[in-house]
């Protein structure tokens, strides 16, 4: 399981993604979690039930992640899994300003 482009704080600050999750095995899920400055979970989005998908474009499949996010400091965690295991692909601190 790989992330084709690094997720950076500057890209997240603009409320967008420029990466894809790819695998040699079928993906089972791709999950994004966003935590506020105190560590409280403010958003969880899970693609789930990905039958026969080997790639997910974050810009397309997670476009609405930033819709209800208020201005502030956050940590984004991106995880993905296949039938044999899972991986944390990114953990990025960022400041979001609409």
Protein backbone atom coordinates (compact mmCIF):
# COMPACT_ATOMS: atom_id res chain seq x y z
CA UNK A 1 0.00 0.00 0.00
CA UNK A 2 1.51 3.34 -1.02
CA UNK A 3 0.65 7.01 -1.22
CA UNK A 4 1.77 8.36 -4.60
CA UNK A 5 2.35 11.96 -3.42
CA UNK A 6 3.15 13.18 0.05
CA UNK A 7 0.27 14.95 1.79
CA UNK A 8 1.58 18.31 2.97
CA UNK A 9 0.25 20.87 5.43
CA UNK A 10 0.21 23.53 2.70
CA UNK A 11 -2.07 21.45 0.47
CA UNK A 12 -4.40 20.56 3.37
CA UNK A 13 -4.59 24.22 4.40
CA UNK A 14 -6.25 24.88 1.04
CA UNK A 15 -8.85 22.21 1.74
CA UNK A 16 -7.76 19.75 -0.91
CA UNK A 17 -5.77 16.61 -1.67
CA UNK A 18 -3.29 15.85 -4.44
CA UNK A 19 -2.61 12.18 -3.73
CA UNK A 20 -3.83 8.69 -4.50
CA UNK A 21 -3.64 5.49 -2.46
CA UNK A 22 -2.43 2.54 -4.52
CA UNK A 23 -1.86 -1.15 -3.87
CA UNK A 24 -0.81 -4.34 -5.63
CA UNK A 25 -3.64 -6.07 -3.77
CA UNK A 26 -7.32 -5.04 -3.69
CA UNK A 27 -7.93 -2.27 -1.16
CA UNK A 28 -10.42 -3.08 1.59
CA UNK A 29 -10.72 0.46 2.93
CA UNK A 30 -9.21 3.93 2.95
CA UNK A 31 -9.92 6.00 6.05
CA UNK A 32 -9.32 9.63 6.95
CA UNK A 33 -9.48 10.86 10.52
CA UNK A 34 -9.12 14.50 11.53
CA UNK A 35 -8.35 15.47 15.12
CA UNK A 36 -8.46 18.95 16.63
CA UNK A 37 -5.62 20.53 18.60
CA UNK A 38 -6.71 18.80 21.83
CA UNK A 39 -6.81 15.36 20.15
CA UNK A 40 -10.60 15.14 19.89
CA UNK A 41 -11.89 13.41 16.76
CA UNK A 42 -13.76 15.90 14.59
CA UNK A 43 -14.17 13.82 11.42
CA UNK A 44 -13.94 10.20 10.34
CA UNK A 45 -14.58 9.20 6.74
CA UNK A 46 -14.13 5.62 5.61
CA UNK A 47 -14.45 4.53 1.99
CA UNK A 48 -15.11 0.93 3.06
CA UNK A 49 -16.34 -1.95 0.90
CA UNK A 50 -13.84 -1.42 -1.91
CA UNK A 51 -14.21 -4.56 -3.96
CA UNK A 52 -11.62 -4.98 -6.72
CA UNK A 53 -10.21 -1.44 -6.38
CA UNK A 54 -6.45 -1.06 -6.48
CA UNK A 55 -6.37 2.74 -6.39
CA UNK A 56 -8.34 5.56 -4.75
CA UNK A 57 -7.94 9.20 -5.73
CA UNK A 58 -8.32 11.24 -2.55
CA UNK A 59 -9.38 14.40 -4.41
CA UNK A 60 -12.31 12.52 -5.96
CA UNK A 61 -13.34 10.10 -3.21
CA UNK A 62 -12.80 12.39 -0.21
CA UNK A 63 -13.70 15.78 -1.73
CA UNK A 64 -16.24 16.58 1.00
CA UNK A 65 -13.87 16.10 3.96
CA UNK A 66 -13.31 19.83 4.38
CA UNK A 67 -16.94 20.95 3.83
CA UNK A 68 -17.89 21.33 7.52
CA UNK A 69 -14.41 21.86 8.95
CA UNK A 70 -14.06 25.11 10.90
CA UNK A 71 -10.92 27.22 10.83
CA UNK A 72 -8.32 25.87 13.23
CA UNK A 73 -5.37 23.59 13.89
CA UNK A 74 -5.79 19.91 13.08
CA UNK A 75 -4.04 16.59 12.54
CA UNK A 76 -5.03 14.43 9.57
CA UNK A 77 -4.40 10.68 9.69
CA UNK A 78 -4.75 8.57 6.54
CA UNK A 79 -4.98 4.78 6.85
CA UNK A 80 -5.57 2.07 4.27
CA UNK A 81 -6.02 -1.68 4.48
CA UNK A 82 -5.89 -4.80 2.37
CA UNK A 83 -6.89 -8.31 3.35
CA UNK A 84 -3.42 -9.00 4.77
CA UNK A 85 -3.09 -5.92 6.93
CA UNK A 86 -3.18 -2.15 7.06
CA UNK A 87 -0.91 0.88 7.19
CA UNK A 88 -0.88 4.46 8.34
CA UNK A 89 0.13 6.33 5.19
CA UNK A 90 0.16 9.89 6.51
CA UNK A 91 -0.06 11.92 9.71
CA UNK A 92 0.05 15.65 9.05
CA UNK A 93 -0.48 18.64 11.33
CA UNK A 94 -2.07 21.57 9.47
CA UNK A 95 -3.91 24.84 9.95
CA UNK A 96 -7.15 25.19 8.02
CA UNK A 97 -8.50 28.58 6.97
CA UNK A 98 -11.49 28.69 4.65
